[in-house]
Amino acid sequence: LILSLAYFCSDYLFVQKNKITKDYEIEVFFNECVDINVNKKICYDRVCEDKECNKEYILYLNKWFENKLFDNRIYNGEFIDQNKSSLRFEEKFGEDIEEIFSYNPLPMSCLFALNSDFRNENEIRKLINEINQEKLVVDEVVSDFYKISKVEKVINMFFAVLLIIELVIVTVVVFYISNTIQLVIYSKKDDIEVLKLL
C-alpha cells in the first residue's frame, strides 16, 4: 500500500513537473543597432513613420531568428516586432504604449519554446549563455529559468526522499519475512527432529 502510494505520488509529481516546464520560454531582446559586418552597422529608427526605413534591420533580425530555430533544443519560436510588442504590452498592462509616449519605445524580441528533452537546468543554462554571447545582436535574454530550476530541485529532492523511504520499507519487509520464516522453522524444530528419526 505504501509503495503504491509512493509510486503514484512520484508519478503525479513527474506529470506536474512536465506541465510546469511545458510552456517554458526564453525571450531574447535585440539591440537597437546591429553590426552586420566590420564596415556596416544598421540601427532601428523608432520614430520613423515609413516602414521601408527599418526594413533591412527587421530582415536581418528575422534571419537571425530563423537560424536559431534550427537549433535542436528549440521547439518553436515567435518573432515579436514593434506592433506585437505593443499589443503584448497592452494585454499585460491594459494601456496603449503609443498613447503614453507618442511612439513605441519597446524593443523587438523573440520567444523560443524549448524541446522537452532539453527542459532541464543544464541545457537551459547552456542555451541562455550561448545566446548571450551574441552581443552584436542580442541585448538581453529573459527567462523564468531560476523559478523552474527551484521547482526542479524541490521535485528532485522529493524523488530522492521517496526513493530512500521505499528502500527502507523494502528492507523492513524483507527483514520481517526472513524473521517470520526463521520463527516458523524454529517452532517446528521438534517436529523436524522427530521426522528425521522416522
Protein backbone atom coordinates (compact mmCIF):
# COMPACT_ATOMS: atom_id res chain seq x y z
CA LEU A 1 0.00 0.00 0.00
CA ILE A 2 2.73 2.44 0.98
CA LEU A 3 4.84 1.54 -2.06
CA SER A 4 1.93 2.03 -4.44
CA LEU A 5 1.13 5.37 -2.77
CA ALA A 6 4.77 6.44 -3.17
CA TYR A 7 4.69 5.37 -6.82
CA PHE A 8 1.53 7.38 -7.55
CA CYS A 9 2.93 10.43 -5.73
CA SER A 10 6.14 10.30 -7.76
CA ASP A 11 4.18 9.80 -10.98
CA TYR A 12 1.92 12.75 -10.13
CA LEU A 13 4.94 14.96 -9.39
CA PHE A 14 6.58 13.96 -12.66
CA VAL A 15 3.42 14.94 -14.59
CA GLN A 16 3.22 18.26 -12.71
CA LYS A 17 6.88 18.98 -13.44
CA ASN A 18 6.25 18.42 -17.16
CA LYS A 19 3.22 20.73 -17.04
CA ILE A 20 5.26 23.47 -15.39
CA THR A 21 8.13 23.21 -17.84
CA LYS A 22 5.92 22.65 -20.91
CA ASP A 23 5.33 26.33 -21.50
CA TYR A 24 8.85 27.36 -20.57
CA GLU A 25 10.09 30.08 -22.89
CA ILE A 26 13.19 32.19 -23.35
CA GLU A 27 12.68 35.76 -24.54
CA VAL A 28 15.53 37.43 -26.42
CA PHE A 29 15.60 41.23 -26.74
CA PHE A 30 17.53 42.68 -29.66
CA ASN A 31 19.99 45.58 -29.75
CA GLU A 32 18.80 48.76 -31.44
CA CYS A 33 21.97 48.81 -33.53
CA VAL A 34 23.29 45.65 -35.15
CA ASP A 35 26.76 45.14 -36.65
CA ILE A 36 26.20 43.29 -39.91
CA ASN A 37 29.92 43.19 -40.65
CA VAL A 38 33.03 45.19 -39.79
CA ASN A 39 32.11 48.13 -42.01
CA LYS A 40 28.33 48.20 -41.70
CA LYS A 41 26.02 48.86 -38.79
CA ILE A 42 22.24 49.19 -39.05
CA CYS A 43 20.05 50.76 -36.42
CA TYR A 44 16.35 50.77 -35.75
CA ASP A 45 14.67 54.16 -36.13
CA ARG A 46 11.82 54.26 -33.60
CA VAL A 47 10.16 57.43 -34.81
CA CYS A 48 10.30 56.55 -38.50
CA GLU A 49 6.80 56.51 -39.94
CA ASP A 50 7.90 54.81 -43.17
CA LYS A 51 8.10 51.01 -42.89
CA GLU A 52 10.88 50.88 -45.51
CA CYS A 53 13.43 52.73 -43.36
CA ASN A 54 13.70 49.78 -40.92
CA LYS A 55 13.28 47.02 -43.48
CA GLU A 56 16.96 45.97 -43.56
CA TYR A 57 17.13 45.87 -39.75
CA ILE A 58 13.98 43.74 -39.46
CA LEU A 59 15.13 41.38 -42.23
CA TYR A 60 18.48 40.86 -40.51
CA LEU A 61 16.83 40.07 -37.17
CA ASN A 62 14.33 37.75 -38.86
CA LYS A 63 17.19 35.87 -40.49
CA TRP A 64 18.98 35.56 -37.13
CA PHE A 65 15.74 34.32 -35.56
CA GLU A 66 15.10 31.73 -38.29
CA ASN A 67 18.67 30.42 -37.95
CA LYS A 68 18.11 29.90 -34.22
CA LEU A 69 15.01 27.82 -34.96
CA PHE A 70 17.29 25.16 -36.49
CA ASP A 71 18.81 24.54 -33.06
CA ASN A 72 17.51 21.11 -31.92
CA ARG A 73 16.94 22.46 -28.38
CA ILE A 74 14.31 24.90 -29.65
CA TYR A 75 10.83 23.54 -30.36
CA ASN A 76 9.36 26.68 -31.92
CA GLY A 77 9.53 30.43 -31.70
CA GLU A 78 7.82 33.70 -32.39
CA PHE A 79 9.38 36.89 -33.75
CA ILE A 80 7.95 39.94 -31.96
CA ASP A 81 8.15 43.14 -33.95
CA GLN A 82 7.13 46.62 -32.75
CA ASN A 83 3.41 46.02 -33.36
CA LYS A 84 3.35 42.70 -31.49
CA SER A 85 5.35 44.13 -28.59
CA SER A 86 2.84 46.98 -28.34
CA LEU A 87 -0.07 44.50 -28.32
CA ARG A 88 1.65 42.36 -25.66
CA PHE A 89 2.18 45.46 -23.50
CA GLU A 90 -1.47 46.39 -23.85
CA GLU A 91 -2.60 42.84 -22.94
CA LYS A 92 -0.36 42.77 -19.89
CA PHE A 93 -0.83 46.30 -18.54
CA GLY A 94 -4.10 47.44 -20.13
CA GLU A 95 -2.58 50.61 -21.62
CA ASP A 96 -1.50 51.58 -25.11
CA ILE A 97 2.23 52.34 -25.05
CA GLU A 98 1.98 54.60 -28.09
CA GLU A 99 -0.57 56.82 -26.35
CA ILE A 100 1.78 57.20 -23.39
CA PHE A 101 4.96 58.08 -25.34
CA SER A 102 3.51 59.05 -28.75
CA TYR A 103 5.77 56.34 -30.25
CA ASN A 104 6.62 52.74 -29.40
CA PRO A 105 9.79 52.58 -27.24
CA LEU A 106 9.59 48.80 -26.77
CA PRO A 107 12.42 46.74 -28.29
CA MET A 108 11.94 43.97 -30.77
CA SER A 109 12.33 40.49 -29.38
CA CYS A 110 11.62 36.83 -29.98
CA LEU A 111 10.31 33.96 -27.90
CA PHE A 112 11.76 30.46 -28.01
CA ALA A 113 9.94 27.40 -26.64
CA LEU A 114 12.24 24.54 -25.71
CA ASN A 115 12.04 20.88 -26.71
CA SER A 116 11.00 18.60 -23.87
CA ASP A 117 14.35 16.75 -23.95
CA PHE A 118 16.17 19.99 -23.16
CA ARG A 119 13.96 21.36 -20.37
CA ASN A 120 16.48 20.83 -17.62
CA GLU A 121 18.72 23.19 -15.72
CA ASN A 122 21.98 22.41 -17.53
CA GLU A 123 20.60 22.63 -21.06
CA ILE A 124 18.64 25.82 -20.37
CA ARG A 125 21.66 27.49 -18.79
CA LYS A 126 23.85 26.44 -21.72
CA LEU A 127 21.38 27.80 -24.30
CA ILE A 128 20.97 31.12 -22.43
CA ASN A 129 24.75 31.54 -22.24
CA GLU A 130 25.16 30.77 -25.95
CA ILE A 131 22.52 33.33 -26.92
CA ASN A 132 24.04 35.92 -24.54
CA GLN A 133 27.39 35.50 -26.32
CA GLU A 134 25.91 37.07 -29.45
CA LYS A 135 26.27 40.64 -28.18
CA LEU A 136 26.22 42.11 -31.71
CA VAL A 137 22.54 41.17 -31.98
CA VAL A 138 21.30 40.31 -28.51
CA ASP A 139 20.75 42.94 -25.84
CA GLU A 140 19.26 40.74 -23.12
CA VAL A 141 17.89 37.25 -22.53
CA VAL A 142 14.95 37.00 -20.13
CA SER A 143 13.64 33.74 -18.75
CA ASP A 144 11.95 32.10 -15.79
CA PHE A 145 14.92 29.75 -15.60
CA TYR A 146 15.57 30.30 -11.90
CA LYS A 147 11.94 29.64 -10.94
CA ILE A 148 11.91 26.46 -12.99
CA SER A 149 15.27 25.50 -11.53
CA LYS A 150 13.97 25.84 -7.96
CA VAL A 151 10.86 23.78 -8.74
CA GLU A 152 13.00 21.12 -10.40
CA LYS A 153 15.34 20.97 -7.37
CA VAL A 154 12.41 20.57 -4.96
CA ILE A 155 10.87 17.81 -7.08
CA ASN A 156 14.22 16.01 -7.44
CA MET A 157 14.76 16.22 -3.67
CA PHE A 158 11.27 14.80 -3.12
CA PHE A 159 12.07 11.94 -5.52
CA ALA A 160 15.28 11.21 -3.58
CA VAL A 161 13.39 11.17 -0.25
CA LEU A 162 10.72 8.91 -1.74
CA LEU A 163 13.38 6.52 -3.01
CA ILE A 164 15.01 6.35 0.43
CA ILE A 165 11.63 5.70 2.08
CA GLU A 166 10.87 2.96 -0.45
CA LEU A 167 14.25 1.31 0.19
CA VAL A 168 13.70 1.41 3.95
CA ILE A 169 10.23 -0.12 3.56
CA VAL A 170 11.54 -2.89 1.28
CA THR A 171 14.37 -3.61 3.73
CA VAL A 172 11.95 -3.79 6.68
CA VAL A 173 9.57 -6.07 4.75
CA VAL A 174 12.41 -8.43 3.75
CA PHE A 175 13.66 -8.45 7.37
CA TYR A 176 10.16 -9.32 8.71
CA ILE A 177 9.63 -12.05 6.15
CA SER A 178 13.05 -13.52 6.92
CA ASN A 179 12.38 -13.46 10.66
CA THR A 180 8.94 -14.98 10.21
CA ILE A 181 10.39 -17.86 8.21
CA GLN A 182 13.08 -18.42 10.86
CA LEU A 183 10.45 -18.39 13.65
CA VAL A 184 8.32 -20.93 11.80
CA ILE A 185 11.32 -23.18 11.32
CA TYR A 186 12.33 -22.77 14.95
CA SER A 187 8.81 -23.56 16.19
CA LYS A 188 8.74 -26.70 14.05
CA LYS A 189 12.23 -27.73 15.12
CA ASP A 190 10.98 -30.55 17.33
CA ASP A 191 8.68 -31.85 14.58
CA ILE A 192 11.54 -31.82 12.13
CA GLU A 193 13.77 -33.76 14.57
CA VAL A 194 11.03 -36.37 15.04
CA LEU A 195 10.58 -36.73 11.30
CA LYS A 196 14.33 -37.21 10.90
CA LEU A 197 14.24 -40.09 13.37
CA LEU A 198 11.50 -41.84 11.44
